[in-house]
Amino acid sequence: MIDKMLKVVIWIIEITPSLYKNRLRKKILLRLLQDNKYKWRKLKILTERTGTTEQECRGLLTEIKARGSKNEQSGEEIWGLIERVGV
């Protein structure tokens, strides 16, 4: 019984920093995507500002209700909040 409780405590200690870090990253993404200067932001910029990989960033972006698209001129992947850019 103590062994199981110890495993749970260790798991909580290990996962807590990443949960906190992801919450901060989501706040950064929201600030970037709510900036009135930009309706869309390049994925490259979003990953640089949050310190995430492209895949991690995409996951966080979908959690904050953003959607991706492709810039027709440059071909770069871009993201915007659904409430601002539509579905």
C-alpha atoms as a PDB file:
ATOM      1  CA  MET A   1       0.000   0.000   0.000  1.00  0.00           C
ATOM      2  CA  ILE A   2       2.770   2.439   0.913  1.00  0.00           C
ATOM      3  CA  ASP A   3       4.575   1.516  -2.302  1.00  0.00           C
ATOM      4  CA  LYS A   4       1.527   2.508  -4.385  1.00  0.00           C
ATOM      5  CA  MET A   5       1.131   5.779  -2.479  1.00  0.00           C
ATOM      6  CA  LEU A   6       4.796   6.568  -2.971  1.00  0.00           C
ATOM      7  CA  LYS A   7       4.471   5.964  -6.725  1.00  0.00           C
ATOM      8  CA  VAL A   8       1.503   8.342  -6.876  1.00  0.00           C
ATOM      9  CA  VAL A   9       3.388  11.049  -4.961  1.00  0.00           C
ATOM     10  CA  ILE A  10       6.405  10.685  -7.258  1.00  0.00           C
ATOM     11  CA  TRP A  11       4.128  10.865 -10.320  1.00  0.00           C
ATOM     12  CA  ILE A  12       2.494  14.065  -9.010  1.00  0.00           C
ATOM     13  CA  ILE A  13       5.891  15.631  -8.317  1.00  0.00           C
ATOM     14  CA  GLU A  14       7.082  14.746 -11.825  1.00  0.00           C
ATOM     15  CA  ILE A  15       3.997  15.963 -13.701  1.00  0.00           C
ATOM     16  CA  THR A  16       3.311  19.214 -11.784  1.00  0.00           C
ATOM     17  CA  PRO A  17       6.123  21.277 -13.368  1.00  0.00           C
ATOM     18  CA  SER A  18       5.029  20.392 -16.896  1.00  0.00           C
ATOM     19  CA  LEU A  19       1.395  21.258 -16.120  1.00  0.00           C
ATOM     20  CA  TYR A  20       2.482  24.629 -14.736  1.00  0.00           C
ATOM     21  CA  LYS A  21       4.796  25.199 -17.707  1.00  0.00           C
ATOM     22  CA  ASN A  22       2.006  24.385 -20.189  1.00  0.00           C
ATOM     23  CA  ARG A  23      -0.357  26.771 -18.423  1.00  0.00           C
ATOM     24  CA  LEU A  24       2.217  29.553 -18.821  1.00  0.00           C
ATOM     25  CA  ARG A  25       2.784  28.615 -22.466  1.00  0.00           C
ATOM     26  CA  LYS A  26      -0.956  28.825 -23.157  1.00  0.00           C
ATOM     27  CA  LYS A  27      -1.039  32.315 -21.631  1.00  0.00           C
ATOM     28  CA  ILE A  28       1.844  33.375 -23.884  1.00  0.00           C
ATOM     29  CA  LEU A  29       0.094  31.928 -26.942  1.00  0.00           C
ATOM     30  CA  LEU A  30      -3.144  33.715 -26.080  1.00  0.00           C
ATOM     31  CA  ARG A  31      -1.344  37.045 -25.706  1.00  0.00           C
ATOM     32  CA  LEU A  32       0.390  36.572 -29.040  1.00  0.00           C
ATOM     33  CA  LEU A  33      -2.807  35.571 -30.843  1.00  0.00           C
ATOM     34  CA  GLN A  34      -4.943  38.310 -29.243  1.00  0.00           C
ATOM     35  CA  ASP A  35      -2.538  41.066 -30.306  1.00  0.00           C
ATOM     36  CA  ASN A  36      -4.548  43.419 -32.529  1.00  0.00           C
ATOM     37  CA  LYS A  37      -1.545  43.912 -34.844  1.00  0.00           C
ATOM     38  CA  TYR A  38      -1.803  40.321 -36.075  1.00  0.00           C
ATOM     39  CA  LYS A  39      -4.768  38.156 -36.966  1.00  0.00           C
ATOM     40  CA  TRP A  40      -2.466  35.223 -37.816  1.00  0.00           C
ATOM     41  CA  ARG A  41       0.932  34.270 -36.380  1.00  0.00           C
ATOM     42  CA  LYS A  42       3.603  32.031 -37.865  1.00  0.00           C
ATOM     43  CA  LEU A  43       4.080  28.704 -36.113  1.00  0.00           C
ATOM     44  CA  LYS A  44       7.820  29.386 -36.072  1.00  0.00           C
ATOM     45  CA  ILE A  45       7.304  32.536 -33.984  1.00  0.00           C
ATOM     46  CA  LEU A  46       4.907  30.768 -31.621  1.00  0.00           C
ATOM     47  CA  THR A  47       7.337  27.910 -30.988  1.00  0.00           C
ATOM     48  CA  GLU A  48      10.241  30.300 -30.423  1.00  0.00           C
ATOM     49  CA  ARG A  49       8.285  32.394 -27.922  1.00  0.00           C
ATOM     50  CA  THR A  50       6.996  29.382 -25.971  1.00  0.00           C
ATOM     51  CA  GLY A  51      10.094  27.191 -26.125  1.00  0.00           C
ATOM     52  CA  THR A  52       8.151  24.265 -27.570  1.00  0.00           C
ATOM     53  CA  THR A  53       8.519  21.931 -30.493  1.00  0.00           C
ATOM     54  CA  GLU A  54       6.136  22.371 -33.412  1.00  0.00           C
ATOM     55  CA  GLN A  55       4.121  19.343 -32.281  1.00  0.00           C
ATOM     56  CA  GLU A  56       3.886  20.539 -28.662  1.00  0.00           C
ATOM     57  CA  CYS A  57       2.871  23.998 -29.822  1.00  0.00           C
ATOM     58  CA  ARG A  58       0.148  22.634 -32.116  1.00  0.00           C
ATOM     59  CA  GLY A  59      -1.306  20.697 -29.187  1.00  0.00           C
ATOM     60  CA  LEU A  60      -1.375  23.776 -26.969  1.00  0.00           C
ATOM     61  CA  LEU A  61      -2.870  25.866 -29.767  1.00  0.00           C
ATOM     62  CA  THR A  62      -5.768  23.466 -30.258  1.00  0.00           C
ATOM     63  CA  GLU A  63      -6.382  23.501 -26.499  1.00  0.00           C
ATOM     64  CA  ILE A  64      -6.810  27.291 -26.572  1.00  0.00           C
ATOM     65  CA  LYS A  65      -9.177  27.033 -29.551  1.00  0.00           C
ATOM     66  CA  ALA A  66      -6.858  28.179 -32.307  1.00  0.00           C
ATOM     67  CA  ARG A  67      -6.677  26.780 -35.816  1.00  0.00           C
ATOM     68  CA  GLY A  68      -3.934  26.444 -38.335  1.00  0.00           C
ATOM     69  CA  SER A  69      -3.736  27.442 -41.971  1.00  0.00           C
ATOM     70  CA  LYS A  70      -1.115  27.998 -44.634  1.00  0.00           C
ATOM     71  CA  ASN A  71       0.090  31.388 -45.806  1.00  0.00           C
ATOM     72  CA  GLU A  72      -0.634  31.393 -49.542  1.00  0.00           C
ATOM     73  CA  GLN A  73       2.357  33.583 -50.384  1.00  0.00           C
ATOM     74  CA  SER A  74       5.094  32.015 -48.256  1.00  0.00           C
ATOM     75  CA  GLY A  75       3.652  28.549 -47.685  1.00  0.00           C
ATOM     76  CA  GLU A  76       4.382  28.879 -43.956  1.00  0.00           C
ATOM     77  CA  GLU A  77       2.105  27.358 -41.330  1.00  0.00           C
ATOM     78  CA  ILE A  78       0.138  30.078 -39.517  1.00  0.00           C
ATOM     79  CA  TRP A  79      -2.260  30.013 -36.573  1.00  0.00           C
ATOM     80  CA  GLY A  80      -5.073  32.229 -35.310  1.00  0.00           C
ATOM     81  CA  LEU A  81      -7.762  32.112 -32.649  1.00  0.00           C
ATOM     82  CA  ILE A  82     -11.007  30.718 -34.042  1.00  0.00           C
ATOM     83  CA  GLU A  83     -12.928  33.613 -32.452  1.00  0.00           C
ATOM     84  CA  ARG A  84     -10.854  36.017 -34.587  1.00  0.00           C
ATOM     85  CA  VAL A  85     -10.267  34.107 -37.840  1.00  0.00           C
ATOM     86  CA  GLY A  86     -13.332  31.856 -38.021  1.00  0.00           C
ATOM     87  CA  VAL A  87     -13.506  28.149 -38.584  1.00  0.00           C
END
